[in-house]
Amino acid sequence: MPLEHLLAALEREAQARAERLRTDARAEADRITQASETEIAQRRASALGTREAELRGAAEAALSAARRTGRAAVLEARERLWARVLAAARERFPAAMRSDAYRTVLPAELADALAAVGEGAPVIHCPATLAPLIQGALPPGTSPAIESDPQARPGFTVATRDAQVEVDSTFEERLGRLEAEIAVQVFARLRSSA
């Protein structure tokens, strides 16, 4: 029996050893699986982070481009609006030249223009429709030559005979001098009414 005991002991020892190996192998497999899952999760997170950063950058670039396009569209719309405002103002020049408000300020403007030109024989150039008003608005004691022209711009100019000094008091010139100030007021009103 000793041989049978020896064989049984060897068999038990072999089974115990096999069981320990299986347990160790399962533990090692679990550790490898866990490490693999952790590494996969880290790689996935890294890849997702990289892709997210790329998408965020693309979205920011697209948003920036859309803002630039929007600003350009707003500026173009403002330019078109401003051109229409100026065109509407120019269309009103002939009527404004016949208005009571213009007749009221004409004598003072004419006197200022004549004073700016100085001594000598000034020449006033104006549209034919304005010539009678200018004649009536001349300061006492002045007798400049008045040249009327149906094609002249609304308003008047006063110049020396040699044309070395000229005061431009046409509506177009006035509009040009006031254009920036008017634009600020127009766009401020637009913002407040929006």
Protein backbone atom coordinates (compact mmCIF):
# COMPACT_ATOMS: atom_id res chain seq x y z
CA MET A 1 0.00 0.00 0.00
CA PRO A 2 2.72 2.33 0.43
CA LEU A 3 2.92 2.58 -3.34
CA GLU A 4 -0.75 3.31 -3.55
CA HIS A 5 -0.38 5.97 -0.87
CA LEU A 6 2.54 7.40 -2.70
CA LEU A 7 0.64 7.51 -5.98
CA ALA A 8 -2.42 9.01 -4.27
CA ALA A 9 -0.23 11.60 -2.58
CA LEU A 10 1.46 12.40 -5.89
CA GLU A 11 -1.90 12.64 -7.59
CA ARG A 12 -3.27 14.97 -4.89
CA GLU A 13 -0.13 17.03 -5.05
CA ALA A 14 -0.38 17.18 -8.86
CA GLN A 15 -4.04 18.22 -8.67
CA ALA A 16 -3.26 20.86 -6.04
CA ARG A 17 -0.39 22.13 -8.15
CA ALA A 18 -2.60 22.14 -11.27
CA GLU A 19 -5.28 24.03 -9.34
CA ARG A 20 -2.71 26.59 -8.13
CA LEU A 21 -1.47 27.01 -11.74
CA ARG A 22 -5.06 27.43 -12.98
CA THR A 23 -5.73 29.99 -10.21
CA ASP A 24 -2.49 31.83 -10.98
CA ALA A 25 -3.28 31.68 -14.72
CA ARG A 26 -6.81 33.04 -14.12
CA ALA A 27 -5.38 35.84 -11.93
CA GLU A 28 -2.75 36.67 -14.60
CA ALA A 29 -5.43 36.59 -17.33
CA ASP A 30 -7.65 38.90 -15.23
CA ARG A 31 -4.70 41.25 -14.63
CA ILE A 32 -3.85 41.27 -18.37
CA THR A 33 -7.52 41.82 -19.27
CA GLN A 34 -7.81 44.68 -16.76
CA ALA A 35 -4.55 46.25 -18.01
CA SER A 36 -5.74 45.90 -21.62
CA GLU A 37 -9.12 47.44 -20.81
CA THR A 38 -7.40 50.30 -18.97
CA GLU A 39 -5.01 50.89 -21.89
CA ILE A 40 -7.90 50.72 -24.40
CA ALA A 41 -9.89 53.20 -22.31
CA GLN A 42 -6.89 55.56 -22.11
CA ARG A 43 -6.28 55.31 -25.86
CA ARG A 44 -9.97 55.85 -26.57
CA ALA A 45 -10.02 58.88 -24.23
CA SER A 46 -6.87 60.24 -25.87
CA ALA A 47 -8.28 59.69 -29.37
CA LEU A 48 -11.61 61.24 -28.34
CA GLY A 49 -9.79 64.18 -26.75
CA THR A 50 -7.74 64.72 -29.88
CA ARG A 51 -10.83 64.45 -32.10
CA GLU A 52 -12.79 66.72 -29.77
CA ALA A 53 -9.99 69.31 -29.93
CA GLU A 54 -9.96 69.06 -33.73
CA LEU A 55 -13.74 69.46 -33.88
CA ARG A 56 -13.65 72.34 -31.39
CA GLY A 57 -10.97 74.04 -33.49
CA ALA A 58 -12.98 73.49 -36.67
CA ALA A 59 -16.14 74.79 -34.97
CA GLU A 60 -14.31 77.88 -33.70
CA ALA A 61 -12.86 78.51 -37.17
CA ALA A 62 -16.32 78.08 -38.74
CA LEU A 63 -17.85 80.38 -36.13
CA SER A 64 -15.14 82.97 -36.70
CA ALA A 65 -15.69 82.77 -40.48
CA ALA A 66 -19.44 83.11 -39.97
CA ARG A 67 -18.90 86.16 -37.77
CA ARG A 68 -16.62 87.73 -40.38
CA THR A 69 -19.17 86.99 -43.09
CA GLY A 70 -21.92 88.42 -40.90
CA ARG A 71 -19.92 91.56 -40.15
CA ALA A 72 -19.14 91.96 -43.86
CA ALA A 73 -22.83 91.59 -44.69
CA VAL A 74 -23.74 94.20 -42.06
CA LEU A 75 -21.10 96.59 -43.38
CA GLU A 76 -22.28 96.10 -46.96
CA ALA A 77 -25.87 96.68 -45.86
CA ARG A 78 -24.81 99.84 -44.04
CA GLU A 79 -22.95 101.05 -47.12
CA ARG A 80 -26.01 100.44 -49.30
CA LEU A 81 -28.23 102.18 -46.75
CA TRP A 82 -25.83 105.12 -46.52
CA ALA A 83 -25.74 105.41 -50.32
CA ARG A 84 -29.55 105.49 -50.35
CA VAL A 85 -29.60 108.12 -47.59
CA LEU A 86 -27.16 110.30 -49.54
CA ALA A 87 -29.10 109.79 -52.79
CA ALA A 88 -32.33 110.76 -51.00
CA ALA A 89 -30.65 113.87 -49.59
CA ARG A 90 -29.36 114.85 -53.04
CA GLU A 91 -32.83 114.41 -54.52
CA ARG A 92 -34.11 116.94 -51.99
CA PHE A 93 -31.48 119.60 -52.80
CA PRO A 94 -33.60 121.48 -55.40
CA ALA A 95 -36.60 121.64 -53.04
CA ALA A 96 -34.36 122.62 -50.11
CA MET A 97 -32.97 125.49 -52.19
CA ARG A 98 -36.52 126.90 -52.45
CA SER A 99 -37.37 126.33 -48.77
CA ASP A 100 -38.04 129.07 -46.24
CA ALA A 101 -35.29 127.67 -44.01
CA TYR A 102 -32.70 128.17 -46.74
CA ARG A 103 -33.99 131.67 -47.53
CA THR A 104 -33.55 132.49 -43.85
CA VAL A 105 -29.89 131.40 -43.67
CA LEU A 106 -28.90 132.50 -47.20
CA PRO A 107 -28.06 136.17 -46.36
CA ALA A 108 -25.66 135.20 -43.54
CA GLU A 109 -24.01 132.48 -45.62
CA LEU A 110 -23.64 134.78 -48.56
CA ALA A 111 -22.12 137.52 -46.38
CA ASP A 112 -19.66 134.98 -44.85
CA ALA A 113 -18.64 133.73 -48.29
CA LEU A 114 -18.14 137.27 -49.63
CA ALA A 115 -16.09 138.18 -46.57
CA ALA A 116 -13.93 135.06 -47.00
CA VAL A 117 -13.17 135.96 -50.62
CA GLY A 118 -12.19 139.45 -49.57
CA GLU A 119 -11.96 142.73 -51.43
CA GLY A 120 -12.25 142.91 -55.17
CA ALA A 121 -14.95 141.95 -57.59
CA PRO A 122 -16.21 138.53 -56.57
CA VAL A 123 -18.26 136.32 -58.84
CA ILE A 124 -21.19 134.29 -57.53
CA HIS A 125 -21.99 131.15 -59.49
CA CYS A 126 -25.38 129.53 -58.84
CA PRO A 127 -28.31 127.76 -60.49
CA ALA A 128 -30.62 130.05 -62.48
CA THR A 129 -33.48 129.40 -60.04
CA LEU A 130 -31.37 130.68 -57.13
CA ALA A 131 -30.08 133.87 -58.80
CA PRO A 132 -33.07 136.08 -57.80
CA LEU A 133 -32.84 134.91 -54.17
CA ILE A 134 -29.10 135.63 -54.10
CA GLN A 135 -29.67 139.08 -55.62
CA GLY A 136 -32.18 139.82 -52.85
CA ALA A 137 -29.91 138.42 -50.12
CA LEU A 138 -26.77 140.42 -50.99
CA PRO A 139 -25.42 142.52 -48.15
CA PRO A 140 -25.93 146.29 -48.65
CA GLY A 141 -23.13 147.98 -50.56
CA THR A 142 -21.98 144.83 -52.41
CA SER A 143 -22.35 144.27 -56.11
CA PRO A 144 -20.71 141.02 -57.11
CA ALA A 145 -21.31 139.53 -60.53
CA ILE A 146 -23.90 136.77 -60.46
CA GLU A 147 -23.46 134.05 -63.06
CA SER A 148 -26.42 131.73 -63.23
CA ASP A 149 -26.27 128.36 -64.89
CA PRO A 150 -29.18 125.91 -65.15
CA GLN A 151 -26.66 123.05 -64.78
CA ALA A 152 -25.02 124.44 -61.64
CA ARG A 153 -25.19 122.39 -58.47
CA PRO A 154 -27.74 123.52 -55.85
CA GLY A 155 -26.27 126.24 -53.65
CA PHE A 156 -23.64 128.74 -54.73
CA THR A 157 -19.93 129.41 -54.99
CA VAL A 158 -18.20 132.75 -54.54
CA ALA A 159 -14.82 133.25 -56.18
CA THR A 160 -12.40 135.99 -57.09
CA ARG A 161 -12.34 136.91 -60.77
CA ASP A 162 -9.01 135.14 -61.18
CA ALA A 163 -10.49 132.06 -59.37
CA GLN A 164 -7.55 131.89 -56.96
CA VAL A 165 -9.90 131.99 -53.97
CA GLU A 166 -13.23 130.20 -53.98
CA VAL A 167 -15.80 129.50 -51.28
CA ASP A 168 -17.95 126.52 -52.14
CA SER A 169 -21.33 126.74 -50.44
CA THR A 170 -23.12 124.22 -52.61
CA PHE A 171 -25.34 121.67 -50.96
CA GLU A 172 -23.07 118.88 -52.19
CA GLU A 173 -20.04 120.48 -50.51
CA ARG A 174 -21.97 121.02 -47.29
CA LEU A 175 -23.15 117.44 -47.33
CA GLY A 176 -19.55 116.30 -47.79
CA ARG A 177 -18.41 118.35 -44.78
CA LEU A 178 -21.24 117.03 -42.61
CA GLU A 179 -21.30 113.47 -43.94
CA ALA A 180 -19.46 111.83 -41.02
CA GLU A 181 -21.60 113.61 -38.43
CA ILE A 182 -24.81 112.73 -40.27
CA ALA A 183 -23.73 109.10 -40.62
CA VAL A 184 -23.18 108.84 -36.86
CA GLN A 185 -26.66 110.24 -36.21
CA VAL A 186 -28.35 108.01 -38.81
CA PHE A 187 -26.75 104.82 -37.52
CA ALA A 188 -27.37 105.81 -33.88
CA ARG A 189 -31.05 106.20 -34.69
CA LEU A 190 -31.07 102.84 -36.44
CA ARG A 191 -29.53 101.16 -33.39
CA SER A 192 -32.00 102.79 -31.02
CA SER A 193 -35.00 101.83 -33.15
CA ALA A 194 -33.88 98.21 -33.57
